[in-house]
Amino acid sequence: MPRDFRRLGNWYSSYKSHHTYKCFIGVAPNGAIVYVSNLYEGSISDRAIVEKCSFLKYINPGDLVLADQGFLIEDFLMARQATLNISPFLGKRSKFTAQEELQTRRIAKARIHVERVIERVKKIKLLSGNIPLSLTQISYQMVFVACCLVNFQEPLVK
């Protein structure tokens, strides 16, 4: 937890209910980690991370990006002539159309691999506990090394 009270709130993640770092990890269809952003304060939005990191410069026209529903970056991708694929929203309806249900199943089938990759990163002992503030200067390198180690593990997708 930072001692500087001006920064204290920025590191707090209401989702995790404690002080955290956040980063963006890009995963290829084969399950390999292909992009790791810098670390940001836990309170930053996913959209803000994508805006600040260099991920978008690797997006080419025609690329398809799969993301969570709350990942509102479609305008960034459209500017690069790429497409965002997220699960449909129910809104006030009680159920999906047959086409939306099929789309949701397809996305979920691919998303499970992303979730499994992120779980592997979190299980690397280097990151499994609290990271002391004294290691703040090398925390990005710790995450990067953990991601590299995950890429050396048995592939998730065959």
C-alpha atoms as a PDB file:
ATOM      1  CA  MET A   1       0.000   0.000   0.000  1.00  0.00           C
ATOM      2  CA  PRO A   2       1.527   3.362  -0.981  1.00  0.00           C
ATOM      3  CA  ARG A   3       2.425   5.719   1.861  1.00  0.00           C
ATOM      4  CA  ASP A   4       1.660   8.772  -0.258  1.00  0.00           C
ATOM      5  CA  PHE A   5      -2.005   9.416   0.531  1.00  0.00           C
ATOM      6  CA  ARG A   6      -2.504  11.325  -2.734  1.00  0.00           C
ATOM      7  CA  ARG A   7      -1.730   8.112  -4.651  1.00  0.00           C
ATOM      8  CA  LEU A   8      -3.425   5.735  -2.226  1.00  0.00           C
ATOM      9  CA  GLY A   9      -6.857   5.916  -3.858  1.00  0.00           C
ATOM     10  CA  ASN A  10      -5.428   5.428  -7.339  1.00  0.00           C
ATOM     11  CA  TRP A  11      -3.969   2.040  -6.455  1.00  0.00           C
ATOM     12  CA  TYR A  12      -7.221   0.780  -4.918  1.00  0.00           C
ATOM     13  CA  SER A  13      -9.321  -1.566  -7.034  1.00  0.00           C
ATOM     14  CA  SER A  14     -12.959  -1.694  -5.974  1.00  0.00           C
ATOM     15  CA  TYR A  15     -13.281  -4.916  -8.001  1.00  0.00           C
ATOM     16  CA  LYS A  16     -10.490  -6.652  -6.046  1.00  0.00           C
ATOM     17  CA  SER A  17     -11.134  -4.746  -2.782  1.00  0.00           C
ATOM     18  CA  HIS A  18      -7.449  -3.967  -2.209  1.00  0.00           C
ATOM     19  CA  HIS A  19      -4.497  -2.110  -3.726  1.00  0.00           C
ATOM     20  CA  THR A  20      -3.455  -3.535  -7.072  1.00  0.00           C
ATOM     21  CA  TYR A  21      -1.541  -3.146 -10.291  1.00  0.00           C
ATOM     22  CA  LYS A  22      -3.328  -3.697 -13.576  1.00  0.00           C
ATOM     23  CA  CYS A  23      -2.021  -4.595 -17.026  1.00  0.00           C
ATOM     24  CA  PHE A  24      -3.297  -5.595 -20.437  1.00  0.00           C
ATOM     25  CA  ILE A  25      -2.327  -9.038 -21.720  1.00  0.00           C
ATOM     26  CA  GLY A  26      -2.883  -9.967 -25.359  1.00  0.00           C
ATOM     27  CA  VAL A  27      -3.429 -13.647 -26.120  1.00  0.00           C
ATOM     28  CA  ALA A  28      -3.258 -15.181 -29.610  1.00  0.00           C
ATOM     29  CA  PRO A  29      -5.822 -17.759 -30.781  1.00  0.00           C
ATOM     30  CA  ASN A  30      -3.306 -20.530 -30.032  1.00  0.00           C
ATOM     31  CA  GLY A  31      -3.126 -19.458 -26.360  1.00  0.00           C
ATOM     32  CA  ALA A  32       0.296 -17.779 -26.518  1.00  0.00           C
ATOM     33  CA  ILE A  33       0.788 -14.461 -24.747  1.00  0.00           C
ATOM     34  CA  VAL A  34       1.759 -11.997 -27.457  1.00  0.00           C
ATOM     35  CA  TYR A  35       1.502  -8.653 -25.657  1.00  0.00           C
ATOM     36  CA  VAL A  36       2.058  -7.391 -22.093  1.00  0.00           C
ATOM     37  CA  SER A  37       1.441  -3.726 -21.285  1.00  0.00           C
ATOM     38  CA  ASN A  38       3.123  -1.702 -18.594  1.00  0.00           C
ATOM     39  CA  LEU A  39       1.553  -1.861 -15.138  1.00  0.00           C
ATOM     40  CA  TYR A  40      -0.980   0.777 -14.132  1.00  0.00           C
ATOM     41  CA  GLU A  41      -2.724   1.815 -10.937  1.00  0.00           C
ATOM     42  CA  GLY A  42      -5.544  -0.549  -9.948  1.00  0.00           C
ATOM     43  CA  SER A  43      -8.260   2.076 -10.343  1.00  0.00           C
ATOM     44  CA  ILE A  44      -7.588   2.678 -14.054  1.00  0.00           C
ATOM     45  CA  SER A  45     -10.216   1.516 -16.549  1.00  0.00           C
ATOM     46  CA  ASP A  46      -9.503  -1.139 -19.174  1.00  0.00           C
ATOM     47  CA  ARG A  47     -10.222   1.429 -21.870  1.00  0.00           C
ATOM     48  CA  ALA A  48      -7.664   3.837 -20.395  1.00  0.00           C
ATOM     49  CA  ILE A  49      -5.007   1.111 -20.342  1.00  0.00           C
ATOM     50  CA  VAL A  50      -5.599   0.335 -24.033  1.00  0.00           C
ATOM     51  CA  GLU A  51      -5.454   4.046 -24.801  1.00  0.00           C
ATOM     52  CA  LYS A  52      -2.150   4.504 -22.921  1.00  0.00           C
ATOM     53  CA  CYS A  53      -0.320   1.313 -23.898  1.00  0.00           C
ATOM     54  CA  SER A  54       1.115   0.553 -27.330  1.00  0.00           C
ATOM     55  CA  PHE A  55      -1.205  -2.383 -28.092  1.00  0.00           C
ATOM     56  CA  LEU A  56      -3.173  -0.547 -30.768  1.00  0.00           C
ATOM     57  CA  LYS A  57      -0.104   0.049 -32.924  1.00  0.00           C
ATOM     58  CA  TYR A  58       0.062  -3.735 -33.470  1.00  0.00           C
ATOM     59  CA  ILE A  59      -3.527  -3.905 -34.746  1.00  0.00           C
ATOM     60  CA  ASN A  60      -3.828  -4.209 -38.523  1.00  0.00           C
ATOM     61  CA  PRO A  61      -6.824  -3.622 -40.801  1.00  0.00           C
ATOM     62  CA  GLY A  62      -9.054  -6.690 -40.748  1.00  0.00           C
ATOM     63  CA  ASP A  63      -7.882  -7.911 -37.324  1.00  0.00           C
ATOM     64  CA  LEU A  64     -10.476  -9.270 -34.916  1.00  0.00           C
ATOM     65  CA  VAL A  65     -10.140  -8.587 -31.177  1.00  0.00           C
ATOM     66  CA  LEU A  66     -12.072 -10.682 -28.678  1.00  0.00           C
ATOM     67  CA  ALA A  67     -12.825  -8.967 -25.355  1.00  0.00           C
ATOM     68  CA  ASP A  68     -15.105  -8.884 -22.306  1.00  0.00           C
ATOM     69  CA  GLN A  69     -18.411  -7.022 -22.498  1.00  0.00           C
ATOM     70  CA  GLY A  70     -17.087  -4.119 -20.440  1.00  0.00           C
ATOM     71  CA  PHE A  71     -14.100  -3.626 -22.730  1.00  0.00           C
ATOM     72  CA  LEU A  72     -15.377  -0.583 -24.604  1.00  0.00           C
ATOM     73  CA  ILE A  73     -12.678  -0.043 -27.237  1.00  0.00           C
ATOM     74  CA  GLU A  74     -14.651  -0.467 -30.446  1.00  0.00           C
ATOM     75  CA  ASP A  75     -13.953   3.119 -31.548  1.00  0.00           C
ATOM     76  CA  PHE A  76     -10.188   2.597 -31.148  1.00  0.00           C
ATOM     77  CA  LEU A  77     -10.354  -0.545 -33.272  1.00  0.00           C
ATOM     78  CA  MET A  78     -12.636   0.974 -35.914  1.00  0.00           C
ATOM     79  CA  ALA A  79     -10.085   3.767 -36.391  1.00  0.00           C
ATOM     80  CA  ARG A  80      -7.585   1.017 -37.282  1.00  0.00           C
ATOM     81  CA  GLN A  81     -10.147  -0.824 -39.474  1.00  0.00           C
ATOM     82  CA  ALA A  82     -10.299  -3.739 -37.030  1.00  0.00           C
ATOM     83  CA  THR A  83     -13.297  -5.383 -35.378  1.00  0.00           C
ATOM     84  CA  LEU A  84     -14.225  -5.933 -31.730  1.00  0.00           C
ATOM     85  CA  ASN A  85     -16.027  -9.171 -30.931  1.00  0.00           C
ATOM     86  CA  ILE A  86     -17.848  -9.182 -27.595  1.00  0.00           C
ATOM     87  CA  SER A  87     -20.745 -11.245 -26.319  1.00  0.00           C
ATOM     88  CA  PRO A  88     -24.184  -9.761 -27.019  1.00  0.00           C
ATOM     89  CA  PHE A  89     -25.927  -7.850 -24.230  1.00  0.00           C
ATOM     90  CA  LEU A  90     -29.278  -9.061 -22.900  1.00  0.00           C
ATOM     91  CA  GLY A  91     -30.353  -5.586 -21.840  1.00  0.00           C
ATOM     92  CA  LYS A  92     -33.969  -5.699 -20.679  1.00  0.00           C
ATOM     93  CA  ARG A  93     -34.740  -8.881 -22.593  1.00  0.00           C
ATOM     94  CA  SER A  94     -35.127 -12.214 -20.809  1.00  0.00           C
ATOM     95  CA  LYS A  95     -33.257 -14.310 -23.397  1.00  0.00           C
ATOM     96  CA  PHE A  96     -31.011 -14.143 -26.438  1.00  0.00           C
ATOM     97  CA  THR A  97     -32.121 -14.782 -30.001  1.00  0.00           C
ATOM     98  CA  ALA A  98     -30.937 -18.092 -31.479  1.00  0.00           C
ATOM     99  CA  GLN A  99     -28.203 -16.254 -33.428  1.00  0.00           C
ATOM    100  CA  GLU A 100     -27.030 -14.333 -30.322  1.00  0.00           C
ATOM    101  CA  GLU A 101     -26.945 -17.549 -28.295  1.00  0.00           C
ATOM    102  CA  LEU A 102     -24.784 -19.224 -30.937  1.00  0.00           C
ATOM    103  CA  GLN A 103     -22.478 -16.187 -31.036  1.00  0.00           C
ATOM    104  CA  THR A 104     -22.217 -16.186 -27.228  1.00  0.00           C
ATOM    105  CA  ARG A 105     -21.273 -19.876 -27.205  1.00  0.00           C
ATOM    106  CA  ARG A 106     -18.571 -19.346 -29.843  1.00  0.00           C
ATOM    107  CA  ILE A 107     -17.086 -16.403 -27.976  1.00  0.00           C
ATOM    108  CA  ALA A 108     -17.205 -18.262 -24.650  1.00  0.00           C
ATOM    109  CA  LYS A 109     -15.403 -21.214 -26.225  1.00  0.00           C
ATOM    110  CA  ALA A 110     -12.528 -18.915 -27.263  1.00  0.00           C
ATOM    111  CA  ARG A 111     -12.602 -16.791 -24.080  1.00  0.00           C
ATOM    112  CA  ILE A 112     -12.028 -19.809 -21.861  1.00  0.00           C
ATOM    113  CA  HIS A 113      -8.503 -20.071 -23.292  1.00  0.00           C
ATOM    114  CA  VAL A 114      -7.794 -16.433 -22.400  1.00  0.00           C
ATOM    115  CA  GLU A 115      -9.060 -17.002 -18.846  1.00  0.00           C
ATOM    116  CA  ARG A 116      -6.877 -20.097 -18.509  1.00  0.00           C
ATOM    117  CA  VAL A 117      -3.795 -18.199 -19.727  1.00  0.00           C
ATOM    118  CA  ILE A 118      -4.398 -15.387 -17.213  1.00  0.00           C
ATOM    119  CA  GLU A 119      -4.906 -17.968 -14.461  1.00  0.00           C
ATOM    120  CA  ARG A 120      -1.533 -19.501 -15.377  1.00  0.00           C
ATOM    121  CA  VAL A 121       0.140 -16.090 -15.079  1.00  0.00           C
ATOM    122  CA  LYS A 122      -1.398 -15.523 -11.650  1.00  0.00           C
ATOM    123  CA  LYS A 123      -0.198 -18.936 -10.446  1.00  0.00           C
ATOM    124  CA  ILE A 124       3.467 -18.161 -11.153  1.00  0.00           C
ATOM    125  CA  LYS A 125       4.993 -17.915  -7.660  1.00  0.00           C
ATOM    126  CA  LEU A 126       6.694 -14.660  -8.562  1.00  0.00           C
ATOM    127  CA  LEU A 127       3.233 -13.022  -8.632  1.00  0.00           C
ATOM    128  CA  SER A 128       1.219 -15.261  -6.311  1.00  0.00           C
ATOM    129  CA  GLY A 129       1.454 -13.038  -3.221  1.00  0.00           C
ATOM    130  CA  ASN A 130       1.664  -9.363  -2.409  1.00  0.00           C
ATOM    131  CA  ILE A 131       4.399  -7.470  -4.243  1.00  0.00           C
ATOM    132  CA  PRO A 132       6.273  -5.219  -1.806  1.00  0.00           C
ATOM    133  CA  LEU A 133       6.505  -1.531  -2.682  1.00  0.00           C
ATOM    134  CA  SER A 134      10.281  -1.927  -2.673  1.00  0.00           C
ATOM    135  CA  LEU A 135       9.872  -3.964  -5.891  1.00  0.00           C
ATOM    136  CA  THR A 136       7.727  -1.375  -7.658  1.00  0.00           C
ATOM    137  CA  GLN A 137      10.585  -0.449  -9.990  1.00  0.00           C
ATOM    138  CA  ILE A 138      10.821  -4.017 -11.327  1.00  0.00           C
ATOM    139  CA  SER A 139       7.170  -5.069 -11.044  1.00  0.00           C
ATOM    140  CA  TYR A 140       6.616  -4.838 -14.812  1.00  0.00           C
ATOM    141  CA  GLN A 141       9.624  -7.092 -15.425  1.00  0.00           C
ATOM    142  CA  MET A 142       8.184  -9.574 -12.907  1.00  0.00           C
ATOM    143  CA  VAL A 143       4.900  -9.732 -14.832  1.00  0.00           C
ATOM    144  CA  PHE A 144       6.726  -9.957 -18.168  1.00  0.00           C
ATOM    145  CA  VAL A 145       8.880 -12.864 -16.929  1.00  0.00           C
ATOM    146  CA  ALA A 146       5.780 -14.626 -15.578  1.00  0.00           C
ATOM    147  CA  CYS A 147       4.127 -14.283 -19.001  1.00  0.00           C
ATOM    148  CA  CYS A 148       7.235 -15.663 -20.712  1.00  0.00           C
ATOM    149  CA  LEU A 149       7.232 -18.638 -18.332  1.00  0.00           C
ATOM    150  CA  VAL A 150       3.582 -19.305 -19.168  1.00  0.00           C
ATOM    151  CA  ASN A 151       4.479 -19.363 -22.859  1.00  0.00           C
ATOM    152  CA  PHE A 152       7.028 -22.112 -22.114  1.00  0.00           C
ATOM    153  CA  GLN A 153       4.367 -24.295 -20.470  1.00  0.00           C
ATOM    154  CA  GLU A 154       2.381 -26.988 -22.261  1.00  0.00           C
ATOM    155  CA  PRO A 155       0.175 -25.277 -24.875  1.00  0.00           C
ATOM    156  CA  LEU A 156      -3.468 -24.737 -23.913  1.00  0.00           C
ATOM    157  CA  VAL A 157      -4.756 -25.021 -27.468  1.00  0.00           C
ATOM    158  CA  LYS A 158      -3.612 -27.842 -29.700  1.00  0.00           C
END
